[in-house]
C-alpha atoms as a PDB file:
ATOM      1  CA  MET A   1     -45.910 -48.444 -92.987  1.00  0.00           C
ATOM      2  CA  THR A   2     -44.122 -47.616 -96.222  1.00  0.00           C
ATOM      3  CA  MET A   3     -46.496 -44.717 -96.942  1.00  0.00           C
ATOM      4  CA  ARG A   4     -46.004 -43.211 -93.454  1.00  0.00           C
ATOM      5  CA  ARG A   5     -42.245 -43.442 -93.821  1.00  0.00           C
ATOM      6  CA  PHE A   6     -42.366 -40.944 -96.688  1.00  0.00           C
ATOM      7  CA  GLN A   7     -45.016 -38.625 -95.263  1.00  0.00           C
ATOM      8  CA  SER A   8     -43.934 -35.122 -94.309  1.00  0.00           C
ATOM      9  CA  PRO A   9     -44.074 -34.489 -90.550  1.00  0.00           C
ATOM     10  CA  ASP A  10     -46.331 -31.788 -89.161  1.00  0.00           C
ATOM     11  CA  PHE A  11     -43.348 -29.949 -87.665  1.00  0.00           C
ATOM     12  CA  SER A  12     -40.093 -28.465 -88.922  1.00  0.00           C
ATOM     13  CA  LEU A  13     -36.439 -28.720 -87.977  1.00  0.00           C
ATOM     14  CA  ARG A  14     -36.560 -25.029 -87.084  1.00  0.00           C
ATOM     15  CA  GLN A  15     -39.262 -25.747 -84.518  1.00  0.00           C
ATOM     16  CA  LEU A  16     -37.083 -28.479 -83.025  1.00  0.00           C
ATOM     17  CA  GLN A  17     -34.218 -25.978 -82.849  1.00  0.00           C
ATOM     18  CA  TYR A  18     -36.438 -23.514 -80.989  1.00  0.00           C
ATOM     19  CA  ALA A  19     -37.434 -26.163 -78.435  1.00  0.00           C
ATOM     20  CA  VAL A  20     -33.828 -27.217 -77.839  1.00  0.00           C
ATOM     21  CA  ALA A  21     -32.813 -23.553 -77.487  1.00  0.00           C
ATOM     22  CA  VAL A  22     -35.489 -23.033 -74.808  1.00  0.00           C
ATOM     23  CA  LEU A  23     -34.199 -26.043 -72.919  1.00  0.00           C
ATOM     24  CA  GLU A  24     -30.535 -24.997 -73.108  1.00  0.00           C
ATOM     25  CA  THR A  25     -31.116 -21.331 -72.209  1.00  0.00           C
ATOM     26  CA  GLY A  26     -33.843 -21.869 -69.625  1.00  0.00           C
ATOM     27  CA  GLY A  27     -36.280 -19.376 -71.067  1.00  0.00           C
ATOM     28  CA  PHE A  28     -38.147 -18.238 -74.175  1.00  0.00           C
ATOM     29  CA  GLY A  29     -36.652 -14.738 -74.209  1.00  0.00           C
ATOM     30  CA  THR A  30     -33.033 -15.846 -74.157  1.00  0.00           C
ATOM     31  CA  ALA A  31     -33.780 -18.599 -76.664  1.00  0.00           C
ATOM     32  CA  ALA A  32     -35.387 -16.091 -79.036  1.00  0.00           C
ATOM     33  CA  THR A  33     -32.325 -13.845 -78.862  1.00  0.00           C
ATOM     34  CA  LEU A  34     -30.042 -16.813 -79.517  1.00  0.00           C
ATOM     35  CA  CYS A  35     -32.120 -17.887 -82.518  1.00  0.00           C
ATOM     36  CA  GLY A  36     -32.419 -14.373 -83.937  1.00  0.00           C
ATOM     37  CA  VAL A  37     -36.225 -14.129 -83.764  1.00  0.00           C
ATOM     38  CA  SER A  38     -38.739 -12.316 -81.601  1.00  0.00           C
ATOM     39  CA  GLN A  39     -39.992 -13.990 -78.454  1.00  0.00           C
ATOM     40  CA  PRO A  40     -43.650 -14.069 -79.639  1.00  0.00           C
ATOM     41  CA  SER A  41     -42.553 -15.736 -82.874  1.00  0.00           C
ATOM     42  CA  LEU A  42     -40.499 -18.375 -81.073  1.00  0.00           C
ATOM     43  CA  SER A  43     -43.252 -19.013 -78.527  1.00  0.00           C
ATOM     44  CA  ALA A  44     -45.793 -19.434 -81.316  1.00  0.00           C
ATOM     45  CA  GLN A  45     -43.588 -21.930 -83.146  1.00  0.00           C
ATOM     46  CA  VAL A  46     -43.001 -23.968 -79.981  1.00  0.00           C
ATOM     47  CA  ALA A  47     -46.765 -23.968 -79.378  1.00  0.00           C
ATOM     48  CA  LYS A  48     -47.322 -25.245 -82.950  1.00  0.00           C
ATOM     49  CA  LEU A  49     -44.758 -27.972 -82.318  1.00  0.00           C
ATOM     50  CA  GLU A  50     -46.537 -29.005 -79.131  1.00  0.00           C
ATOM     51  CA  SER A  51     -49.857 -29.009 -81.010  1.00  0.00           C
ATOM     52  CA  ALA A  52     -48.430 -31.147 -83.823  1.00  0.00           C
ATOM     53  CA  LEU A  53     -47.005 -33.650 -81.346  1.00  0.00           C
ATOM     54  CA  GLY A  54     -50.050 -33.620 -79.113  1.00  0.00           C
ATOM     55  CA  VAL A  55     -48.034 -33.101 -75.908  1.00  0.00           C
ATOM     56  CA  ARG A  56     -46.740 -30.222 -73.826  1.00  0.00           C
ATOM     57  CA  LEU A  57     -42.984 -29.941 -73.782  1.00  0.00           C
ATOM     58  CA  PHE A  58     -42.552 -27.143 -71.251  1.00  0.00           C
ATOM     59  CA  GLU A  59     -44.190 -26.022 -68.069  1.00  0.00           C
ATOM     60  CA  ARG A  60     -44.095 -22.214 -67.968  1.00  0.00           C
ATOM     61  CA  LEU A  61     -42.964 -20.975 -64.549  1.00  0.00           C
ATOM     62  CA  GLY A  62     -42.965 -17.203 -64.519  1.00  0.00           C
ATOM     63  CA  ARG A  63     -39.573 -16.177 -65.872  1.00  0.00           C
ATOM     64  CA  GLY A  64     -38.366 -19.718 -66.420  1.00  0.00           C
ATOM     65  CA  VAL A  65     -39.474 -23.041 -67.824  1.00  0.00           C
ATOM     66  CA  MET A  66     -39.322 -26.671 -66.756  1.00  0.00           C
ATOM     67  CA  LEU A  67     -39.496 -29.748 -68.935  1.00  0.00           C
ATOM     68  CA  THR A  68     -42.611 -31.877 -68.688  1.00  0.00           C
ATOM     69  CA  GLY A  69     -42.329 -35.662 -68.621  1.00  0.00           C
ATOM     70  CA  ALA A  70     -43.009 -35.710 -72.361  1.00  0.00           C
ATOM     71  CA  GLY A  71     -40.355 -33.038 -72.874  1.00  0.00           C
ATOM     72  CA  GLU A  72     -37.772 -35.104 -71.036  1.00  0.00           C
ATOM     73  CA  ARG A  73     -38.448 -38.000 -73.422  1.00  0.00           C
ATOM     74  CA  LEU A  74     -38.605 -35.956 -76.609  1.00  0.00           C
ATOM     75  CA  LEU A  75     -35.833 -33.344 -76.275  1.00  0.00           C
ATOM     76  CA  PRO A  76     -33.015 -35.935 -76.640  1.00  0.00           C
ATOM     77  CA  VAL A  77     -34.760 -37.166 -79.796  1.00  0.00           C
ATOM     78  CA  PHE A  78     -34.917 -33.586 -81.075  1.00  0.00           C
ATOM     79  CA  ARG A  79     -31.158 -33.299 -80.577  1.00  0.00           C
ATOM     80  CA  GLU A  80     -30.596 -36.510 -82.518  1.00  0.00           C
ATOM     81  CA  ALA A  81     -32.753 -35.232 -85.385  1.00  0.00           C
ATOM     82  CA  LEU A  82     -30.883 -31.909 -85.501  1.00  0.00           C
ATOM     83  CA  ALA A  83     -27.529 -33.690 -85.384  1.00  0.00           C
ATOM     84  CA  SER A  84     -28.604 -35.901 -88.287  1.00  0.00           C
ATOM     85  CA  ALA A  85     -29.654 -32.851 -90.285  1.00  0.00           C
ATOM     86  CA  SER A  86     -26.278 -31.236 -89.597  1.00  0.00           C
ATOM     87  CA  ARG A  87     -24.547 -34.371 -90.827  1.00  0.00           C
ATOM     88  CA  VAL A  88     -26.464 -34.174 -94.106  1.00  0.00           C
ATOM     89  CA  GLN A  89     -25.021 -30.728 -94.700  1.00  0.00           C
ATOM     90  CA  ALA A  90     -21.577 -31.762 -93.461  1.00  0.00           C
ATOM     91  CA  VAL A  91     -21.440 -34.766 -95.783  1.00  0.00           C
ATOM     92  CA  SER A  92     -22.413 -32.672 -98.778  1.00  0.00           C
ATOM     93  CA  VAL A  93     -19.648 -30.154 -98.040  1.00  0.00           C
ATOM     94  CA  ALA A  94     -17.149 -32.923 -97.319  1.00  0.00           C
ATOM     95  CA  LEU A  95     -17.851 -34.526-100.690  1.00  0.00           C
ATOM     96  CA  GLN A  96     -16.704 -31.273-102.296  1.00  0.00           C
ATOM     97  CA  ASP A  97     -13.733 -30.460-100.033  1.00  0.00           C
ATOM     98  CA  PRO A  98     -13.096 -32.308 -96.725  1.00  0.00           C
ATOM     99  CA  TYR A  99     -10.846 -29.456 -95.561  1.00  0.00           C
ATOM    100  CA  ALA A 100     -13.665 -26.931 -95.956  1.00  0.00           C
ATOM    101  CA  ILE A 101     -15.278 -28.027 -92.690  1.00  0.00           C
ATOM    102  CA  PRO A 102     -13.497 -26.743 -89.559  1.00  0.00           C
ATOM    103  CA  LEU A 103     -12.979 -29.538 -87.060  1.00  0.00           C
ATOM    104  CA  ARG A 104     -14.010 -28.855 -83.460  1.00  0.00           C
ATOM    105  CA  ILE A 105     -11.849 -30.915 -81.148  1.00  0.00           C
ATOM    106  CA  ALA A 106     -12.314 -30.886 -77.381  1.00  0.00           C
ATOM    107  CA  VAL A 107      -9.140 -31.287 -75.322  1.00  0.00           C
ATOM    108  CA  ILE A 108      -8.891 -31.674 -71.547  1.00  0.00           C
ATOM    109  CA  PRO A 109      -7.018 -28.901 -69.656  1.00  0.00           C
ATOM    110  CA  THR A 110      -4.168 -31.143 -68.497  1.00  0.00           C
ATOM    111  CA  ILE A 111      -3.300 -31.912 -72.122  1.00  0.00           C
ATOM    112  CA  ALA A 112      -4.255 -28.825 -74.144  1.00  0.00           C
ATOM    113  CA  PRO A 113      -1.469 -26.315 -73.363  1.00  0.00           C
ATOM    114  CA  TYR A 114       1.320 -28.879 -73.466  1.00  0.00           C
ATOM    115  CA  LEU A 115       0.496 -31.021 -76.479  1.00  0.00           C
ATOM    116  CA  LEU A 116      -1.138 -28.419 -78.688  1.00  0.00           C
ATOM    117  CA  SER A 117       1.771 -25.996 -78.395  1.00  0.00           C
ATOM    118  CA  ARG A 118       3.803 -28.528 -80.381  1.00  0.00           C
ATOM    119  CA  VAL A 119       1.286 -29.478 -83.061  1.00  0.00           C
ATOM    120  CA  VAL A 120      -0.921 -26.467 -83.865  1.00  0.00           C
ATOM    121  CA  ASP A 121       1.550 -24.929 -86.335  1.00  0.00           C
ATOM    122  CA  ARG A 122       2.091 -28.272 -88.025  1.00  0.00           C
ATOM    123  CA  ILE A 123      -1.635 -28.933 -88.371  1.00  0.00           C
ATOM    124  CA  SER A 124      -2.306 -25.381 -89.596  1.00  0.00           C
ATOM    125  CA  GLN A 125       0.001 -25.738 -92.577  1.00  0.00           C
ATOM    126  CA  GLN A 126      -1.849 -25.495 -95.881  1.00  0.00           C
ATOM    127  CA  PRO A 127      -3.301 -27.456 -97.437  1.00  0.00           C
ATOM    128  CA  GLY A 128      -4.646 -29.121 -94.365  1.00  0.00           C
ATOM    129  CA  PRO A 129      -7.496 -29.260 -91.895  1.00  0.00           C
ATOM    130  CA  ILE A 130      -8.783 -26.226 -90.016  1.00  0.00           C
ATOM    131  CA  VAL A 131      -9.102 -27.086 -86.326  1.00  0.00           C
ATOM    132  CA  HIS A 132     -10.929 -25.198 -83.608  1.00  0.00           C
ATOM    133  CA  TRP A 133      -9.678 -26.422 -80.220  1.00  0.00           C
ATOM    134  CA  LEU A 134     -12.122 -26.446 -77.295  1.00  0.00           C
ATOM    135  CA  GLU A 135     -10.640 -26.837 -73.814  1.00  0.00           C
ATOM    136  CA  MET A 136     -13.017 -28.650 -71.456  1.00  0.00           C
ATOM    137  CA  GLN A 137     -13.038 -31.370 -68.819  1.00  0.00           C
ATOM    138  CA  THR A 138     -13.680 -34.982 -69.793  1.00  0.00           C
ATOM    139  CA  HIS A 139     -17.387 -35.149 -68.990  1.00  0.00           C
ATOM    140  CA  ALA A 140     -18.047 -31.935 -70.939  1.00  0.00           C
ATOM    141  CA  ALA A 141     -15.958 -33.189 -73.869  1.00  0.00           C
ATOM    142  CA  GLU A 142     -17.932 -36.433 -74.024  1.00  0.00           C
ATOM    143  CA  HIS A 143     -21.199 -34.501 -73.963  1.00  0.00           C
ATOM    144  CA  ALA A 144     -19.944 -32.196 -76.723  1.00  0.00           C
ATOM    145  CA  VAL A 145     -19.055 -35.149 -78.974  1.00  0.00           C
ATOM    146  CA  GLU A 146     -22.328 -36.897 -78.180  1.00  0.00           C
ATOM    147  CA  THR A 147     -24.438 -33.842 -79.049  1.00  0.00           C
ATOM    148  CA  GLY A 148     -22.421 -32.811 -82.098  1.00  0.00           C
ATOM    149  CA  GLN A 149     -20.959 -29.670 -80.508  1.00  0.00           C
ATOM    150  CA  ALA A 150     -17.519 -31.215 -81.041  1.00  0.00           C
ATOM    151  CA  ASP A 151     -16.326 -33.589 -83.748  1.00  0.00           C
ATOM    152  CA  ALA A 152     -13.698 -35.352 -81.640  1.00  0.00           C
ATOM    153  CA  MET A 153     -12.006 -35.204 -78.257  1.00  0.00           C
ATOM    154  CA  VAL A 154      -8.554 -35.789 -76.812  1.00  0.00           C
ATOM    155  CA  ILE A 155      -8.809 -37.293 -73.329  1.00  0.00           C
ATOM    156  CA  ALA A 156      -6.903 -39.461 -70.903  1.00  0.00           C
ATOM    157  CA  ASP A 157      -9.668 -41.935 -70.078  1.00  0.00           C
ATOM    158  CA  PRO A 158     -11.447 -44.518 -72.224  1.00  0.00           C
ATOM    159  CA  PRO A 159     -14.680 -42.853 -73.423  1.00  0.00           C
ATOM    160  CA  THR A 160     -17.844 -44.029 -71.715  1.00  0.00           C
ATOM    161  CA  ASP A 161     -19.603 -44.348 -75.091  1.00  0.00           C
ATOM    162  CA  ALA A 162     -18.557 -47.711 -76.524  1.00  0.00           C
ATOM    163  CA  GLY A 163     -19.884 -46.670 -79.927  1.00  0.00           C
ATOM    164  CA  LEU A 164     -17.129 -44.153 -80.610  1.00  0.00           C
ATOM    165  CA  THR A 165     -14.060 -44.708 -82.749  1.00  0.00           C
ATOM    166  CA  VAL A 166     -11.039 -44.632 -80.429  1.00  0.00           C
ATOM    167  CA  ARG A 167      -7.399 -44.147 -81.385  1.00  0.00           C
ATOM    168  CA  THR A 168      -4.577 -44.448 -78.866  1.00  0.00           C
ATOM    169  CA  LEU A 169      -2.190 -41.503 -79.136  1.00  0.00           C
ATOM    170  CA  GLY A 170       0.419 -42.847 -76.748  1.00  0.00           C
ATOM    171  CA  TRP A 171       1.525 -43.359 -73.171  1.00  0.00           C
ATOM    172  CA  GLU A 172       2.566 -40.494 -70.885  1.00  0.00           C
ATOM    173  CA  PRO A 173       4.375 -41.140 -67.590  1.00  0.00           C
ATOM    174  CA  PHE A 174       3.710 -39.212 -64.394  1.00  0.00           C
ATOM    175  CA  VAL A 175       6.432 -37.647 -62.278  1.00  0.00           C
ATOM    176  CA  ALA A 176       6.486 -36.650 -58.623  1.00  0.00           C
ATOM    177  CA  VAL A 177       6.891 -32.913 -57.971  1.00  0.00           C
ATOM    178  CA  VAL A 178       8.530 -31.871 -54.686  1.00  0.00           C
ATOM    179  CA  PRO A 179       9.839 -28.569 -53.254  1.00  0.00           C
ATOM    180  CA  ARG A 180      13.363 -27.842 -54.471  1.00  0.00           C
ATOM    181  CA  GLY A 181      16.060 -29.403 -52.289  1.00  0.00           C
ATOM    182  CA  SER A 182      13.656 -31.742 -50.509  1.00  0.00           C
ATOM    183  CA  ASP A 183      14.929 -34.898 -48.887  1.00  0.00           C
ATOM    184  CA  GLY A 184      13.647 -38.219 -50.124  1.00  0.00           C
ATOM    185  CA  PRO A 185      14.385 -41.012 -52.562  1.00  0.00           C
ATOM    186  CA  ASN A 186      15.024 -40.522 -56.252  1.00  0.00           C
ATOM    187  CA  PRO A 187      13.413 -42.261 -58.088  1.00  0.00           C
ATOM    188  CA  VAL A 188      10.313 -42.188 -55.893  1.00  0.00           C
ATOM    189  CA  PRO A 189       8.485 -45.328 -54.742  1.00  0.00           C
ATOM    190  CA  VAL A 190       4.728 -44.936 -54.422  1.00  0.00           C
ATOM    191  CA  SER A 191       4.996 -45.922 -50.764  1.00  0.00           C
ATOM    192  CA  TRP A 192       7.053 -42.761 -50.058  1.00  0.00           C
ATOM    193  CA  LEU A 193       4.489 -40.555 -51.767  1.00  0.00           C
ATOM    194  CA  GLN A 194       1.765 -42.065 -49.612  1.00  0.00           C
ATOM    195  CA  GLU A 195       3.543 -40.706 -46.544  1.00  0.00           C
ATOM    196  CA  GLN A 196       3.476 -37.092 -47.794  1.00  0.00           C
ATOM    197  CA  GLU A 197       0.834 -34.395 -47.859  1.00  0.00           C
ATOM    198  CA  VAL A 198      -0.324 -34.616 -51.450  1.00  0.00           C
ATOM    199  CA  LEU A 199      -1.673 -31.650 -53.421  1.00  0.00           C
ATOM    200  CA  LEU A 200      -4.222 -32.491 -56.111  1.00  0.00           C
ATOM    201  CA  LEU A 201      -6.516 -30.791 -58.595  1.00  0.00           C
ATOM    202  CA  GLU A 202     -10.132 -30.143 -57.679  1.00  0.00           C
ATOM    203  CA  ASP A 203     -12.936 -32.609 -58.423  1.00  0.00           C
ATOM    204  CA  GLY A 204     -13.833 -32.983 -62.088  1.00  0.00           C
ATOM    205  CA  HIS A 205     -10.269 -33.274 -63.404  1.00  0.00           C
ATOM    206  CA  CYS A 206      -9.408 -36.787 -64.534  1.00  0.00           C
ATOM    207  CA  LEU A 207      -5.797 -36.240 -63.423  1.00  0.00           C
ATOM    208  CA  ARG A 208      -7.027 -36.152 -59.856  1.00  0.00           C
ATOM    209  CA  GLU A 209      -8.606 -39.588 -60.248  1.00  0.00           C
ATOM    210  CA  HIS A 210      -5.496 -40.894 -61.993  1.00  0.00           C
ATOM    211  CA  ALA A 211      -3.319 -39.730 -59.123  1.00  0.00           C
ATOM    212  CA  LEU A 212      -5.621 -41.287 -56.556  1.00  0.00           C
ATOM    213  CA  SER A 213      -6.050 -44.629 -58.316  1.00  0.00           C
ATOM    214  CA  THR A 214      -3.003 -45.244 -60.498  1.00  0.00           C
ATOM    215  CA  CYS A 215      -0.604 -44.124 -57.804  1.00  0.00           C
ATOM    216  CA  MET A 216      -2.669 -45.782 -55.084  1.00  0.00           C
ATOM    217  CA  LEU A 217      -2.836 -42.589 -53.065  1.00  0.00           C
ATOM    218  CA  GLN A 218      -5.995 -43.455 -51.148  1.00  0.00           C
ATOM    219  CA  ALA A 219      -3.870 -43.862 -48.045  1.00  0.00           C
ATOM    220  CA  ALA A 220      -2.064 -40.545 -48.542  1.00  0.00           C
ATOM    221  CA  GLN A 221      -2.797 -37.413 -46.562  1.00  0.00           C
ATOM    222  CA  GLU A 222      -4.449 -35.160 -49.112  1.00  0.00           C
ATOM    223  CA  SER A 223      -4.064 -31.432 -48.631  1.00  0.00           C
ATOM    224  CA  ALA A 224      -7.234 -29.506 -47.871  1.00  0.00           C
ATOM    225  CA  PHE A 225      -6.253 -27.025 -50.592  1.00  0.00           C
ATOM    226  CA  ARG A 226      -7.114 -28.089 -54.132  1.00  0.00           C
ATOM    227  CA  ALA A 227      -5.889 -26.420 -57.298  1.00  0.00           C
ATOM    228  CA  THR A 228      -7.924 -25.522 -60.370  1.00  0.00           C
ATOM    229  CA  SER A 229      -4.993 -25.874 -62.779  1.00  0.00           C
ATOM    230  CA  LEU A 230      -1.531 -27.400 -63.098  1.00  0.00           C
ATOM    231  CA  PRO A 231       0.280 -24.026 -62.907  1.00  0.00           C
ATOM    232  CA  THR A 232      -1.401 -23.356 -59.557  1.00  0.00           C
ATOM    233  CA  LEU A 233      -0.570 -26.868 -58.393  1.00  0.00           C
ATOM    234  CA  VAL A 234       3.125 -26.408 -59.148  1.00  0.00           C
ATOM    235  CA  GLN A 235       3.238 -23.045 -57.361  1.00  0.00           C
ATOM    236  CA  MET A 236       1.660 -24.628 -54.290  1.00  0.00           C
ATOM    237  CA  VAL A 237       4.402 -27.251 -54.272  1.00  0.00           C
ATOM    238  CA  SER A 238       7.007 -24.532 -54.795  1.00  0.00           C
ATOM    239  CA  SER A 239       5.779 -22.728 -51.683  1.00  0.00           C
ATOM    240  CA  GLY A 240       6.293 -25.860 -49.604  1.00  0.00           C
ATOM    241  CA  MET A 241       2.652 -26.796 -49.115  1.00  0.00           C
ATOM    242  CA  GLY A 242       3.226 -30.422 -50.110  1.00  0.00           C
ATOM    243  CA  VAL A 243       4.110 -32.685 -53.021  1.00  0.00           C
ATOM    244  CA  SER A 244       2.146 -33.585 -56.128  1.00  0.00           C
ATOM    245  CA  VAL A 245       1.935 -35.650 -59.309  1.00  0.00           C
ATOM    246  CA  LEU A 246       2.366 -34.073 -62.726  1.00  0.00           C
ATOM    247  CA  PRO A 247       2.079 -35.402 -66.299  1.00  0.00           C
ATOM    248  CA  ALA A 248       5.581 -35.498 -67.761  1.00  0.00           C
ATOM    249  CA  MET A 249       4.402 -33.479 -70.746  1.00  0.00           C
ATOM    250  CA  ALA A 250       3.751 -30.482 -68.472  1.00  0.00           C
ATOM    251  CA  VAL A 251       7.151 -30.477 -66.725  1.00  0.00           C
ATOM    252  CA  GLN A 252       9.052 -28.245 -69.130  1.00  0.00           C
ATOM    253  CA  MET A 253       6.394 -25.534 -69.214  1.00  0.00           C
ATOM    254  CA  GLU A 254       5.341 -25.555 -65.565  1.00  0.00           C
ATOM    255  CA  CYS A 255       8.517 -26.368 -63.643  1.00  0.00           C
ATOM    256  CA  ALA A 256      11.288 -24.504 -65.494  1.00  0.00           C
ATOM    257  CA  ARG A 257      10.828 -21.292 -63.502  1.00  0.00           C
ATOM    258  CA  SER A 258       9.496 -22.756 -60.270  1.00  0.00           C
ATOM    259  CA  ARG A 259      11.394 -23.830 -57.169  1.00  0.00           C
ATOM    260  CA  VAL A 260      10.501 -27.493 -57.529  1.00  0.00           C
ATOM    261  CA  ASP A 261      12.252 -30.741 -58.387  1.00  0.00           C
ATOM    262  CA  THR A 262      10.753 -33.565 -60.403  1.00  0.00           C
ATOM    263  CA  ARG A 263      11.465 -37.225 -59.753  1.00  0.00           C
ATOM    264  CA  ALA A 264      10.529 -40.277 -61.750  1.00  0.00           C
ATOM    265  CA  PHE A 265       8.601 -43.093 -60.128  1.00  0.00           C
ATOM    266  CA  SER A 266      10.525 -46.257 -59.377  1.00  0.00           C
ATOM    267  CA  SER A 267       7.548 -48.403 -60.360  1.00  0.00           C
ATOM    268  CA  PRO A 268       6.780 -48.795 -64.079  1.00  0.00           C
ATOM    269  CA  GLY A 269       3.319 -48.065 -65.390  1.00  0.00           C
ATOM    270  CA  ILE A 270       2.662 -44.879 -63.414  1.00  0.00           C
ATOM    271  CA  GLY A 271       1.055 -42.648 -66.006  1.00  0.00           C
ATOM    272  CA  ARG A 272      -1.857 -42.352 -68.388  1.00  0.00           C
ATOM    273  CA  THR A 273      -2.851 -43.335 -71.916  1.00  0.00           C
ATOM    274  CA  LEU A 274      -3.852 -40.451 -74.164  1.00  0.00           C
ATOM    275  CA  THR A 275      -6.635 -41.203 -76.630  1.00  0.00           C
ATOM    276  CA  MET A 276      -8.636 -39.485 -79.331  1.00  0.00           C
ATOM    277  CA  ALA A 277     -12.257 -40.455 -79.889  1.00  0.00           C
ATOM    278  CA  TRP A 278     -14.943 -39.451 -82.373  1.00  0.00           C
ATOM    279  CA  ARG A 279     -18.320 -40.569 -83.683  1.00  0.00           C
ATOM    280  CA  ARG A 280     -18.274 -43.512 -86.043  1.00  0.00           C
ATOM    281  CA  ASN A 281     -18.978 -42.838 -89.707  1.00  0.00           C
ATOM    282  CA  HIS A 282     -18.108 -39.169 -89.297  1.00  0.00           C
ATOM    283  CA  PRO A 283     -18.400 -37.454 -92.711  1.00  0.00           C
ATOM    284  CA  ILE A 284     -14.752 -36.323 -92.607  1.00  0.00           C
ATOM    285  CA  ASP A 285     -13.357 -39.308 -90.749  1.00  0.00           C
ATOM    286  CA  GLY A 286     -10.206 -39.221 -92.859  1.00  0.00           C
ATOM    287  CA  VAL A 287      -9.406 -35.650 -91.809  1.00  0.00           C
ATOM    288  CA  ILE A 288      -9.845 -36.557 -88.145  1.00  0.00           C
ATOM    289  CA  VAL A 289      -7.423 -39.447 -88.616  1.00  0.00           C
ATOM    290  CA  GLU A 290      -4.956 -37.015 -90.188  1.00  0.00           C
ATOM    291  CA  VAL A 291      -5.117 -34.796 -87.079  1.00  0.00           C
ATOM    292  CA  ALA A 292      -4.805 -37.863 -84.850  1.00  0.00           C
ATOM    293  CA  GLU A 293      -1.581 -38.802 -86.633  1.00  0.00           C
ATOM    294  CA  HIS A 294      -0.118 -35.360 -85.894  1.00  0.00           C
ATOM    295  CA  LEU A 295      -1.065 -35.703 -82.227  1.00  0.00           C
ATOM    296  CA  GLU A 296       0.281 -39.235 -82.038  1.00  0.00           C
ATOM    297  CA  HIS A 297       3.607 -38.102 -83.483  1.00  0.00           C
ATOM    298  CA  ALA A 298       3.818 -35.319 -80.881  1.00  0.00           C
ATOM    299  CA  VAL A 299       3.146 -37.714 -78.014  1.00  0.00           C
ATOM    300  CA  ARG A 300       5.881 -40.026 -79.282  1.00  0.00           C
ATOM    301  CA  ASP A 301       8.321 -37.133 -79.597  1.00  0.00           C
ATOM    302  CA  ARG A 302      10.640 -37.318 -76.623  1.00  0.00           C
ATOM    303  CA  SER A 303      11.151 -33.552 -76.856  1.00  0.00           C
ATOM    304  CA  VAL A 304       7.529 -33.163 -75.768  1.00  0.00           C
ATOM    305  CA  ILE A 305       7.661 -35.543 -72.816  1.00  0.00           C
ATOM    306  CA  VAL A 306      10.588 -34.515 -70.651  1.00  0.00           C
END
């Protein structure tokens, strides 16, 4: 057992990269272009990998490929091995200069334009971390952190992976958005909102689920029209198509030039908790915490949440 532990495998990390590239691009040609090699060379290396492992990873289907049963079991392991190799390099760089590694932080669309506009300049001050912000929905952000495509994420739901480090950035209230001059109570009870035609974001946005569950809008009459973004949502309300729910952080940017009014909810606790999450034992954990502190300060700043 001890001898096998230190034996060299019959395959290389580069071969694992080729296999993962084929899976993610759906074909050998595209994967070869992505990896910067010729298609025959990549195909030959994948074949050597399959020979070394004693299993077929892909079923060739004309112009495309499909994973075999063995491929479905092994490709996630390949990703783990590649992520571990990347961490080796990241740790070595971090030991020299933790700021030398750009952080990739995924942020959901209902947070990114409103929170980051207040903190990017502060975080970019030198010396300090270099951050590349990636806007994506929650499920994509979690996948990016899991696979190493992102170092951390800023979301409004508890992460599904219990093994991540989680830091609470703060609480953000929701407000009701109604056409300007509309009748109705102010502040707004949830019961009143349930009687209106409610405009929401399309499926996949966590804000939609928050509005449906936190505000108990299951009984509301949801509009058949769904928005892809908060700016579109506000313009729909402005045109008189219905009412909606908006994170307070977005009010200043989205409502200042629109014919809408915002009203607080009469019930406490209508809102969301913003969190930042990242993989445990990250090689530059301290730098991530530094960025989290900037974000936490911005969430606490009452000039951000209006």
